[in-house]
Structures are given as structure tokens and as C-alpha cells.
Amino acid sequence: RRGVVLGVDLVVLLIVVVAGRIFPMFTRNATGVASIR
């Protein structure tokens, strides 16, 4: 139980890290809205 809970946390943590790096860039490139950051 604890291992799975921790595993979910870690995958979500990875999402949080990666999202901040690339989601604004993807969105800005796709929409052309310069204020996205």
C-alpha cells in the first residue's frame, strides 16, 4: 500500500516538474500568445 502511494506521489511530482518546464512553452508556441509564461 505505502509503496503504491509513494509511487503515485513520485509520478505526480515528475508531472509537476516537467509541466512547469514545457507546458507554457508548448502553449505559447501553439497559440502565439506572448504573455504565456
Full PDB file with SEQRES, HELIX, SHEET, SSBOND, CRYST1, ORIGX, SCALE, CONECT and MASTER records, all heavy atoms in Angstrom:
SEQRES   1 A   37  ARG ARG GLY VAL VAL LEU GLY VAL ASP LEU VAL VAL LEU          
SEQRES   2 A   37  LEU ILE VAL VAL VAL ALA GLY ARG ILE PHE PRO MET PHE          
SEQRES   3 A   37  THR ARG ASN ALA THR GLY VAL ALA SER ILE ARG                  
HELIX    1 AA1 ARG A    2  THR A   31  1                                  30    
CRYST1    1.000    1.000    1.000  90.00  90.00  90.00 P 1           1          
ORIGX1      1.000000  0.000000  0.000000        0.00000                         
ORIGX2      0.000000  1.000000  0.000000        0.00000                         
ORIGX3      0.000000  0.000000  1.000000        0.00000                         
SCALE1      1.000000  0.000000  0.000000        0.00000                         
SCALE2      0.000000  1.000000  0.000000        0.00000                         
SCALE3      0.000000  0.000000  1.000000        0.00000                         
ATOM      1  N   ARG A   1       0.836  -1.206   0.000  1.00  0.00           N  
ATOM      2  CA  ARG A   1       0.000   0.000   0.000  1.00  0.00           C  
ATOM      3  C   ARG A   1       0.865   1.248   0.000  1.00  0.00           C  
ATOM      4  O   ARG A   1       0.676   2.149  -0.812  1.00  0.00           O  
ATOM      5  CB  ARG A   1      -0.916   0.002   1.222  1.00  0.00           C  
ATOM      6  CG  ARG A   1      -1.908   1.169   1.242  1.00  0.00           C  
ATOM      7  CD  ARG A   1      -2.592   1.306   2.583  1.00  0.00           C  
ATOM      8  NE  ARG A   1      -1.646   1.622   3.640  1.00  0.00           N  
ATOM      9  CZ  ARG A   1      -1.207   2.861   3.885  1.00  0.00           C  
ATOM     10  NH1 ARG A   1      -1.588   3.872   3.127  1.00  0.00           N  
ATOM     11  NH2 ARG A   1      -0.347   3.077   4.872  1.00  0.00           N  
ATOM     12  N   ARG A   2       1.821   1.307   0.911  1.00  0.00           N  
ATOM     13  CA  ARG A   2       2.656   2.508   1.017  1.00  0.00           C  
ATOM     14  C   ARG A   2       3.518   2.702  -0.220  1.00  0.00           C  
ATOM     15  O   ARG A   2       3.746   3.833  -0.655  1.00  0.00           O  
ATOM     16  CB  ARG A   2       3.523   2.418   2.267  1.00  0.00           C  
ATOM     17  CG  ARG A   2       2.734   2.546   3.565  1.00  0.00           C  
ATOM     18  CD  ARG A   2       3.621   2.411   4.787  1.00  0.00           C  
ATOM     19  NE  ARG A   2       4.662   3.435   4.806  1.00  0.00           N  
ATOM     20  CZ  ARG A   2       5.641   3.472   5.710  1.00  0.00           C  
ATOM     21  NH1 ARG A   2       5.717   2.525   6.635  1.00  0.00           N  
ATOM     22  NH2 ARG A   2       6.545   4.430   5.688  1.00  0.00           N  
ATOM     23  N   GLY A   3       3.999   1.591  -0.790  1.00  0.00           N  
ATOM     24  CA  GLY A   3       4.812   1.714  -1.991  1.00  0.00           C  
ATOM     25  C   GLY A   3       4.045   2.282  -3.158  1.00  0.00           C  
ATOM     26  O   GLY A   3       4.552   3.120  -3.912  1.00  0.00           O  
ATOM     27  N   VAL A   4       2.784   1.858  -3.322  1.00  0.00           N  
ATOM     28  CA  VAL A   4       1.967   2.386  -4.414  1.00  0.00           C  
ATOM     29  C   VAL A   4       1.635   3.852  -4.179  1.00  0.00           C  
ATOM     30  O   VAL A   4       1.685   4.668  -5.107  1.00  0.00           O  
ATOM     31  CB  VAL A   4       0.692   1.540  -4.584  1.00  0.00           C  
ATOM     32  CG1 VAL A   4      -0.296   2.235  -5.515  1.00  0.00           C  
ATOM     33  CG2 VAL A   4       1.045   0.158  -5.132  1.00  0.00           C  
ATOM     34  N   VAL A   5       1.281   4.209  -2.946  1.00  0.00           N  
ATOM     35  CA  VAL A   5       1.001   5.619  -2.634  1.00  0.00           C  
ATOM     36  C   VAL A   5       2.216   6.479  -2.958  1.00  0.00           C  
ATOM     37  O   VAL A   5       2.105   7.541  -3.596  1.00  0.00           O  
ATOM     38  CB  VAL A   5       0.602   5.779  -1.151  1.00  0.00           C  
ATOM     39  CG1 VAL A   5       0.578   7.265  -0.749  1.00  0.00           C  
ATOM     40  CG2 VAL A   5      -0.764   5.159  -0.891  1.00  0.00           C  
ATOM     41  N   LEU A   6       3.386   6.031  -2.536  1.00  0.00           N  
ATOM     42  CA  LEU A   6       4.610   6.772  -2.823  1.00  0.00           C  
ATOM     43  C   LEU A   6       4.884   6.813  -4.327  1.00  0.00           C  
ATOM     44  O   LEU A   6       5.324   7.839  -4.859  1.00  0.00           O  
ATOM     45  CB  LEU A   6       5.783   6.131  -2.088  1.00  0.00           C  
ATOM     46  CG  LEU A   6       7.147   6.816  -2.220  1.00  0.00           C  
ATOM     47  CD1 LEU A   6       7.078   8.263  -1.775  1.00  0.00           C  
ATOM     48  CD2 LEU A   6       8.197   6.047  -1.408  1.00  0.00           C  
ATOM     49  N   GLY A   7       4.609   5.707  -5.017  1.00  0.00           N  
ATOM     50  CA  GLY A   7       4.794   5.689  -6.462  1.00  0.00           C  
ATOM     51  C   GLY A   7       3.922   6.702  -7.162  1.00  0.00           C  
ATOM     52  O   GLY A   7       4.377   7.417  -8.071  1.00  0.00           O  
ATOM     53  N   VAL A   8       2.664   6.805  -6.757  1.00  0.00           N  
ATOM     54  CA  VAL A   8       1.767   7.818  -7.336  1.00  0.00           C  
ATOM     55  C   VAL A   8       2.317   9.210  -7.066  1.00  0.00           C  
ATOM     56  O   VAL A   8       2.366  10.067  -7.959  1.00  0.00           O  
ATOM     57  CB  VAL A   8       0.338   7.668  -6.772  1.00  0.00           C  
ATOM     58  CG1 VAL A   8      -0.541   8.848  -7.212  1.00  0.00           C  
ATOM     59  CG2 VAL A   8      -0.287   6.355  -7.234  1.00  0.00           C  
ATOM     60  N   ASP A   9       2.740   9.468  -5.820  1.00  0.00           N  
ATOM     61  CA  ASP A   9       3.318  10.774  -5.487  1.00  0.00           C  
ATOM     62  C   ASP A   9       4.483  11.114  -6.406  1.00  0.00           C  
ATOM     63  O   ASP A   9       4.611  12.253  -6.884  1.00  0.00           O  
ATOM     64  CB  ASP A   9       3.831  10.768  -4.041  1.00  0.00           C  
ATOM     65  CG  ASP A   9       2.730  10.768  -3.005  1.00  0.00           C  
ATOM     66  OD1 ASP A   9       1.566  11.038  -3.355  1.00  0.00           O  
ATOM     67  OD2 ASP A   9       3.042  10.489  -1.826  1.00  0.00           O  
ATOM     68  N   LEU A  10       5.351  10.148  -6.638  1.00  0.00           N  
ATOM     69  CA  LEU A  10       6.557  10.402  -7.430  1.00  0.00           C  
ATOM     70  C   LEU A  10       6.232  10.671  -8.894  1.00  0.00           C  
ATOM     71  O   LEU A  10       6.850  11.539  -9.524  1.00  0.00           O  
ATOM     72  CB  LEU A  10       7.517   9.219  -7.299  1.00  0.00           C  
ATOM     73  CG  LEU A  10       8.202   9.109  -5.939  1.00  0.00           C  
ATOM     74  CD1 LEU A  10       8.784   7.718  -5.732  1.00  0.00           C  
ATOM     75  CD2 LEU A  10       9.300  10.167  -5.804  1.00  0.00           C  
ATOM     76  N   VAL A  11       5.266   9.940  -9.443  1.00  0.00           N  
ATOM     77  CA  VAL A  11       4.869  10.205 -10.827  1.00  0.00           C  
ATOM     78  C   VAL A  11       4.229  11.590 -10.927  1.00  0.00           C  
ATOM     79  O   VAL A  11       4.502  12.352 -11.876  1.00  0.00           O  
ATOM     80  CB  VAL A  11       3.920   9.117 -11.353  1.00  0.00           C  
ATOM     81  CG1 VAL A  11       3.488   9.442 -12.782  1.00  0.00           C  
ATOM     82  CG2 VAL A  11       4.598   7.742 -11.318  1.00  0.00           C  
ATOM     83  N   VAL A  12       3.403  11.952  -9.947  1.00  0.00           N  
ATOM     84  CA  VAL A  12       2.807  13.286  -9.939  1.00  0.00           C  
ATOM     85  C   VAL A  12       3.896  14.353  -9.777  1.00  0.00           C  
ATOM     86  O   VAL A  12       3.858  15.401 -10.434  1.00  0.00           O  
ATOM     87  CB  VAL A  12       1.742  13.405  -8.830  1.00  0.00           C  
ATOM     88  CG1 VAL A  12       1.261  14.850  -8.691  1.00  0.00           C  
ATOM     89  CG2 VAL A  12       0.564  12.482  -9.130  1.00  0.00           C  
ATOM     90  N   LEU A  13       4.873  14.093  -8.916  1.00  0.00           N  
ATOM     91  CA  LEU A  13       5.992  15.034  -8.776  1.00  0.00           C  
ATOM     92  C   LEU A  13       6.708  15.235 -10.096  1.00  0.00           C  
ATOM     93  O   LEU A  13       7.058  16.368 -10.470  1.00  0.00           O  
ATOM     94  CB  LEU A  13       6.966  14.513  -7.712  1.00  0.00           C  
ATOM     95  CG  LEU A  13       8.267  15.309  -7.521  1.00  0.00           C  
ATOM     96  CD1 LEU A  13       7.980  16.743  -7.108  1.00  0.00           C  
ATOM     97  CD2 LEU A  13       9.160  14.614  -6.490  1.00  0.00           C  
ATOM     98  N   LEU A  14       6.927  14.158 -10.831  1.00  0.00           N  
ATOM     99  CA  LEU A  14       7.568  14.275 -12.139  1.00  0.00           C  
ATOM    100  C   LEU A  14       6.718  15.104 -13.083  1.00  0.00           C  
ATOM    101  O   LEU A  14       7.234  15.935 -13.848  1.00  0.00           O  
ATOM    102  CB  LEU A  14       7.818  12.874 -12.717  1.00  0.00           C  
ATOM    103  CG  LEU A  14       8.649  12.803 -13.989  1.00  0.00           C  
ATOM    104  CD1 LEU A  14      10.029  13.394 -13.788  1.00  0.00           C  
ATOM    105  CD2 LEU A  14       8.763  11.360 -14.468  1.00  0.00           C  
ATOM    106  N   ILE A  15       5.403  14.916 -13.052  1.00  0.00           N  
ATOM    107  CA  ILE A  15       4.500  15.723 -13.871  1.00  0.00           C  
ATOM    108  C   ILE A  15       4.627  17.197 -13.497  1.00  0.00           C  
ATOM    109  O   ILE A  15       4.690  18.077 -14.378  1.00  0.00           O  
ATOM    110  CB  ILE A  15       3.045  15.242 -13.716  1.00  0.00           C  
ATOM    111  CG1 ILE A  15       2.851  13.905 -14.429  1.00  0.00           C  
ATOM    112  CG2 ILE A  15       2.058  16.282 -14.256  1.00  0.00           C  
ATOM    113  CD1 ILE A  15       1.491  13.274 -14.187  1.00  0.00           C  
ATOM    114  N   VAL A  16       4.675  17.483 -12.198  1.00  0.00           N  
ATOM    115  CA  VAL A  16       4.790  18.871 -11.741  1.00  0.00           C  
ATOM    116  C   VAL A  16       6.094  19.489 -12.244  1.00  0.00           C  
ATOM    117  O   VAL A  16       6.121  20.639 -12.703  1.00  0.00           O  
ATOM    118  CB  VAL A  16       4.684  18.944 -10.207  1.00  0.00           C  
ATOM    119  CG1 VAL A  16       5.024  20.335  -9.687  1.00  0.00           C  
ATOM    120  CG2 VAL A  16       3.279  18.551  -9.749  1.00  0.00           C  
ATOM    121  N   VAL A  17       7.192  18.748 -12.177  1.00  0.00           N  
ATOM    122  CA  VAL A  17       8.481  19.248 -12.656  1.00  0.00           C  
ATOM    123  C   VAL A  17       8.442  19.501 -14.163  1.00  0.00           C  
ATOM    124  O   VAL A  17       8.785  20.591 -14.648  1.00  0.00           O  
ATOM    125  CB  VAL A  17       9.613  18.256 -12.314  1.00  0.00           C  
ATOM    126  CG1 VAL A  17      10.921  18.668 -13.002  1.00  0.00           C  
ATOM    127  CG2 VAL A  17       9.811  18.176 -10.804  1.00  0.00           C  
ATOM    128  N   VAL A  18       8.019  18.503 -14.915  1.00  0.00           N  
ATOM    129  CA  VAL A  18       8.045  18.600 -16.385  1.00  0.00           C  
ATOM    130  C   VAL A  18       7.047  19.639 -16.884  1.00  0.00           C  
ATOM    131  O   VAL A  18       7.334  20.406 -17.809  1.00  0.00           O  
ATOM    132  CB  VAL A  18       7.764  17.217 -17.012  1.00  0.00           C  
ATOM    133  CG1 VAL A  18       7.571  17.336 -18.519  1.00  0.00           C  
ATOM    134  CG2 VAL A  18       8.901  16.250 -16.692  1.00  0.00           C  
ATOM    135  N   ALA A  19       5.873  19.692 -16.264  1.00  0.00           N  
ATOM    136  CA  ALA A  19       4.848  20.640 -16.714  1.00  0.00           C  
ATOM    137  C   ALA A  19       5.347  22.074 -16.653  1.00  0.00           C  
ATOM    138  O   ALA A  19       5.133  22.860 -17.579  1.00  0.00           O  
ATOM    139  CB  ALA A  19       3.581  20.477 -15.872  1.00  0.00           C  
ATOM    140  N   GLY A  20       6.003  22.435 -15.570  1.00  0.00           N  
ATOM    141  CA  GLY A  20       6.499  23.800 -15.452  1.00  0.00           C  
ATOM    142  C   GLY A  20       7.537  24.147 -16.501  1.00  0.00           C  
ATOM    143  O   GLY A  20       7.650  25.301 -16.917  1.00  0.00           O  
ATOM    144  N   ARG A  21       8.297  23.149 -16.939  1.00  0.00           N  
ATOM    145  CA  ARG A  21       9.341  23.401 -17.936  1.00  0.00           C  
ATOM    146  C   ARG A  21       8.792  23.542 -19.350  1.00  0.00           C  
ATOM    147  O   ARG A  21       9.309  24.349 -20.137  1.00  0.00           O  
ATOM    148  CB  ARG A  21      10.364  22.261 -17.909  1.00  0.00           C  
ATOM    149  CG  ARG A  21      11.164  22.153 -16.634  1.00  0.00           C  
ATOM    150  CD  ARG A  21      12.223  21.068 -16.781  1.00  0.00           C  
ATOM    151  NE  ARG A  21      13.006  20.887 -15.571  1.00  0.00           N  
ATOM    152  CZ  ARG A  21      14.050  20.068 -15.489  1.00  0.00           C  
ATOM    153  NH1 ARG A  21      14.423  19.360 -16.549  1.00  0.00           N  
ATOM    154  NH2 ARG A  21      14.718  19.952 -14.356  1.00  0.00           N  
ATOM    155  N   ILE A  22       7.774  22.729 -19.684  1.00  0.00           N  
ATOM    156  CA  ILE A  22       7.408  22.666 -21.103  1.00  0.00           C  
ATOM    157  C   ILE A  22       5.973  23.059 -21.429  1.00  0.00           C  
ATOM    158  O   ILE A  22       5.708  23.462 -22.564  1.00  0.00           O  
ATOM    159  CB  ILE A  22       7.699  21.265 -21.675  1.00  0.00           C  
ATOM    160  CG1 ILE A  22       6.848  20.198 -20.991  1.00  0.00           C  
ATOM    161  CG2 ILE A  22       9.175  20.937 -21.570  1.00  0.00           C  
ATOM    162  CD1 ILE A  22       7.050  18.805 -21.581  1.00  0.00           C  
ATOM    163  N   PHE A  23       5.027  22.967 -20.507  1.00  0.00           N  
ATOM    164  CA  PHE A  23       3.648  23.271 -20.868  1.00  0.00           C  
ATOM    165  C   PHE A  23       3.468  24.731 -21.287  1.00  0.00           C  
ATOM    166  O   PHE A  23       2.785  25.004 -22.284  1.00  0.00           O  
ATOM    167  CB  PHE A  23       2.691  22.919 -19.729  1.00  0.00           C  
ATOM    168  CG  PHE A  23       2.464  21.438 -19.536  1.00  0.00           C  
ATOM    169  CD1 PHE A  23       3.249  20.495 -20.186  1.00  0.00           C  
ATOM    170  CD2 PHE A  23       1.465  20.977 -18.694  1.00  0.00           C  
ATOM    171  CE1 PHE A  23       3.056  19.134 -20.003  1.00  0.00           C  
ATOM    172  CE2 PHE A  23       1.253  19.620 -18.504  1.00  0.00           C  
ATOM    173  CZ  PHE A  23       2.062  18.697 -19.151  1.00  0.00           C  
ATOM    174  N   PRO A  24       4.044  25.709 -20.567  1.00  0.00           N  
ATOM    175  CA  PRO A  24       3.914  27.091 -21.052  1.00  0.00           C  
ATOM    176  C   PRO A  24       4.538  27.284 -22.431  1.00  0.00           C  
ATOM    177  O   PRO A  24       3.982  27.999 -23.278  1.00  0.00           O  
ATOM    178  CB  PRO A  24       4.640  27.908 -19.980  1.00  0.00           C  
ATOM    179  CG  PRO A  24       4.629  27.051 -18.761  1.00  0.00           C  
ATOM    180  CD  PRO A  24       4.734  25.644 -19.271  1.00  0.00           C  
ATOM    181  N   MET A  25       5.688  26.651 -22.672  1.00  0.00           N  
ATOM    182  CA  MET A  25       6.344  26.772 -23.976  1.00  0.00           C  
ATOM    183  C   MET A  25       5.478  26.170 -25.072  1.00  0.00           C  
ATOM    184  O   MET A  25       5.280  26.777 -26.136  1.00  0.00           O  
ATOM    185  CB  MET A  25       7.702  26.072 -23.941  1.00  0.00           C  
ATOM    186  CG  MET A  25       8.453  26.075 -25.270  1.00  0.00           C  
ATOM    187  SD  MET A  25       9.986  25.138 -25.202  1.00  0.00           S  
ATOM    188  CE  MET A  25       9.375  23.456 -24.954  1.00  0.00           C  
ATOM    189  N   PHE A  26       4.954  24.959 -24.847  1.00  0.00           N  
ATOM    190  CA  PHE A  26       4.070  24.339 -25.831  1.00  0.00           C  
ATOM    191  C   PHE A  26       2.874  25.229 -26.127  1.00  0.00           C  
ATOM    192  O   PHE A  26       2.468  25.391 -27.287  1.00  0.00           O  
ATOM    193  CB  PHE A  26       3.575  22.983 -25.313  1.00  0.00           C  
ATOM    194  CG  PHE A  26       4.607  21.884 -25.321  1.00  0.00           C  
ATOM    195  CD1 PHE A  26       4.334  20.673 -24.686  1.00  0.00           C  
ATOM    196  CD2 PHE A  26       5.826  22.037 -25.954  1.00  0.00           C  
ATOM    197  CE1 PHE A  26       5.259  19.641 -24.684  1.00  0.00           C  
ATOM    198  CE2 PHE A  26       6.769  21.008 -25.954  1.00  0.00           C  
ATOM    199  CZ  PHE A  26       6.479  19.819 -25.316  1.00  0.00           C  
ATOM    200  N   THR A  27       2.299  25.800 -25.077  1.00  0.00           N  
ATOM    201  CA  THR A  27       1.099  26.610 -25.241  1.00  0.00           C  
ATOM    202  C   THR A  27       1.413  27.905 -25.986  1.00  0.00           C  
ATOM    203  O   THR A  27       0.664  28.330 -26.877  1.00  0.00           O  
ATOM    204  CB  THR A  27       0.481  26.934 -23.864  1.00  0.00           C  
ATOM    205  OG1 THR A  27       0.298  25.714 -23.138  1.00  0.00           O  
ATOM    206  CG2 THR A  27      -0.858  27.619 -24.017  1.00  0.00           C  
ATOM    207  N   ARG A  28       2.497  28.541 -25.632  1.00  0.00           N  
ATOM    208  CA  ARG A  28       2.905  29.781 -26.310  1.00  0.00           C  
ATOM    209  C   ARG A  28       3.203  29.513 -27.779  1.00  0.00           C  
ATOM    210  O   ARG A  28       2.793  30.284 -28.668  1.00  0.00           O  
ATOM    211  CB  ARG A  28       4.133  30.371 -25.610  1.00  0.00           C  
ATOM    212  CG  ARG A  28       4.528  31.761 -26.093  1.00  0.00           C  
ATOM    213  CD  ARG A  28       5.590  32.384 -25.192  1.00  0.00           C  
ATOM    214  NE  ARG A  28       6.757  31.516 -25.043  1.00  0.00           N  
ATOM    215  CZ  ARG A  28       7.091  30.900 -23.924  1.00  0.00           C  
ATOM    216  NH1 ARG A  28       6.335  31.020 -22.844  1.00  0.00           N  
ATOM    217  NH2 ARG A  28       8.177  30.147 -23.865  1.00  0.00           N  
ATOM    218  N   ASN A  29       3.900  28.428 -28.078  1.00  0.00           N  
ATOM    219  CA  ASN A  29       4.213  28.102 -29.472  1.00  0.00           C  
ATOM    220  C   ASN A  29       2.953  27.797 -30.276  1.00  0.00           C  
ATOM    221  O   ASN A  29       2.859  28.148 -31.460  1.00  0.00           O  
ATOM    222  CB  ASN A  29       5.163  26.901 -29.534  1.00  0.00           C  
ATOM    223  CG  ASN A  29       6.538  27.221 -29.008  1.00  0.00           C  
ATOM    224  OD1 ASN A  29       6.901  28.395 -28.836  1.00  0.00           O  
ATOM    225  ND2 ASN A  29       7.331  26.202 -28.727  1.00  0.00           N  
ATOM    226  N   ALA A  30       1.994  27.122 -29.654  1.00  0.00           N  
ATOM    227  CA  ALA A  30       0.776  26.726 -30.366  1.00  0.00           C  
ATOM    228  C   ALA A  30      -0.186  27.886 -30.573  1.00  0.00           C  
ATOM    229  O   ALA A  30      -0.887  27.944 -31.586  1.00  0.00           O  
ATOM    230  CB  ALA A  30       0.066  25.607 -29.606  1.00  0.00           C  
ATOM    231  N   THR A  31      -0.224  28.810 -29.613  1.00  0.00           N  
ATOM    232  CA  THR A  31      -1.224  29.891 -29.670  1.00  0.00           C  
ATOM    233  C   THR A  31      -0.667  31.223 -30.149  1.00  0.00           C  
ATOM    234  O   THR A  31      -1.428  32.082 -30.603  1.00  0.00           O  
ATOM    235  CB  THR A  31      -1.843  30.110 -28.276  1.00  0.00           C  
ATOM    236  OG1 THR A  31      -0.816  30.552 -27.364  1.00  0.00           O  
ATOM    237  CG2 THR A  31      -2.476  28.830 -27.755  1.00  0.00           C  
ATOM    238  N   GLY A  32       0.635  31.399 -30.028  1.00  0.00           N  
ATOM    239  CA  GLY A  32       1.230  32.677 -30.391  1.00  0.00           C  
ATOM    240  C   GLY A  32       0.985  33.781 -29.381  1.00  0.00           C  
ATOM    241  O   GLY A  32       1.270  34.953 -29.659  1.00  0.00           O  
ATOM    242  N   VAL A  33       0.477  33.434 -28.206  1.00  0.00           N  
ATOM    243  CA  VAL A  33       0.199  34.435 -27.166  1.00  0.00           C  
ATOM    244  C   VAL A  33       1.482  34.668 -26.364  1.00  0.00           C  
ATOM    245  O   VAL A  33       1.922  33.805 -25.608  1.00  0.00           O  
ATOM    246  CB  VAL A  33      -0.945  33.973 -26.237  1.00  0.00           C  
ATOM    247  CG1 VAL A  33      -1.183  35.000 -25.130  1.00  0.00           C  
ATOM    248  CG2 VAL A  33      -2.213  33.738 -27.042  1.00  0.00           C  
ATOM    249  N   ALA A  34       2.071  35.837 -26.537  1.00  0.00           N  
ATOM    250  CA  ALA A  34       3.392  36.104 -25.960  1.00  0.00           C  
ATOM    251  C   ALA A  34       3.370  36.221 -24.444  1.00  0.00           C  
ATOM    252  O   ALA A  34       4.405  36.039 -23.789  1.00  0.00           O  
ATOM    253  CB  ALA A  34       3.959  37.392 -26.562  1.00  0.00           C  
ATOM    254  N   SER A  35       2.227  36.500 -23.860  1.00  0.00           N  
ATOM    255  CA  SER A  35       2.158  36.707 -22.411  1.00  0.00           C  
ATOM    256  C   SER A  35       2.191  35.397 -21.620  1.00  0.00           C  
ATOM    257  O   SER A  35       2.350  35.408 -20.397  1.00  0.00           O  
ATOM    258  CB  SER A  35       0.885  37.476 -22.040  1.00  0.00           C  
ATOM    259  OG  SER A  35      -0.262  36.744 -22.434  1.00  0.00           O  
ATOM    260  N   ILE A  36       2.040  34.268 -22.298  1.00  0.00           N  
ATOM    261  CA  ILE A  36       2.091  32.968 -21.611  1.00  0.00           C  
ATOM    262  C   ILE A  36       3.515  32.718 -21.144  1.00  0.00           C  
ATOM    263  O   ILE A  36       4.472  32.862 -21.900  1.00  0.00           O  
ATOM    264  CB  ILE A  36       1.616  31.849 -22.559  1.00  0.00           C  
ATOM    265  CG1 ILE A  36       0.126  32.024 -22.890  1.00  0.00           C  
ATOM    266  CG2 ILE A  36       1.870  30.477 -21.939  1.00  0.00           C  
ATOM    267  CD1 ILE A  36      -0.366  31.119 -23.989  1.00  0.00           C  
ATOM    268  N   ARG A  37       3.631  32.327 -19.881  1.00  0.00           N  
ATOM    269  CA  ARG A  37       4.978  32.175 -19.319  1.00  0.00           C  
ATOM    270  C   ARG A  37       4.949  31.261 -18.102  1.00  0.00           C  
ATOM    271  O   ARG A  37       3.917  30.971 -17.548  1.00  0.00           O  
ATOM    272  CB  ARG A  37       5.539  33.540 -18.897  1.00  0.00           C  
ATOM    273  CG  ARG A  37       4.804  34.157 -17.717  1.00  0.00           C  
ATOM    274  CD  ARG A  37       5.218  35.610 -17.480  1.00  0.00           C  
ATOM    275  NE  ARG A  37       4.703  36.135 -16.221  1.00  0.00           N  
ATOM    276  CZ  ARG A  37       3.477  36.561 -16.028  1.00  0.00           C  
ATOM    277  NH1 ARG A  37       2.585  36.502 -17.006  1.00  0.00           N  
ATOM    278  NH2 ARG A  37       3.107  37.042 -14.850  1.00  0.00           N  
TER     279      ARG A  37                                                      
MASTER        0    0    0    1    0    0    0    6  278    1    0    3          
END                                                                             
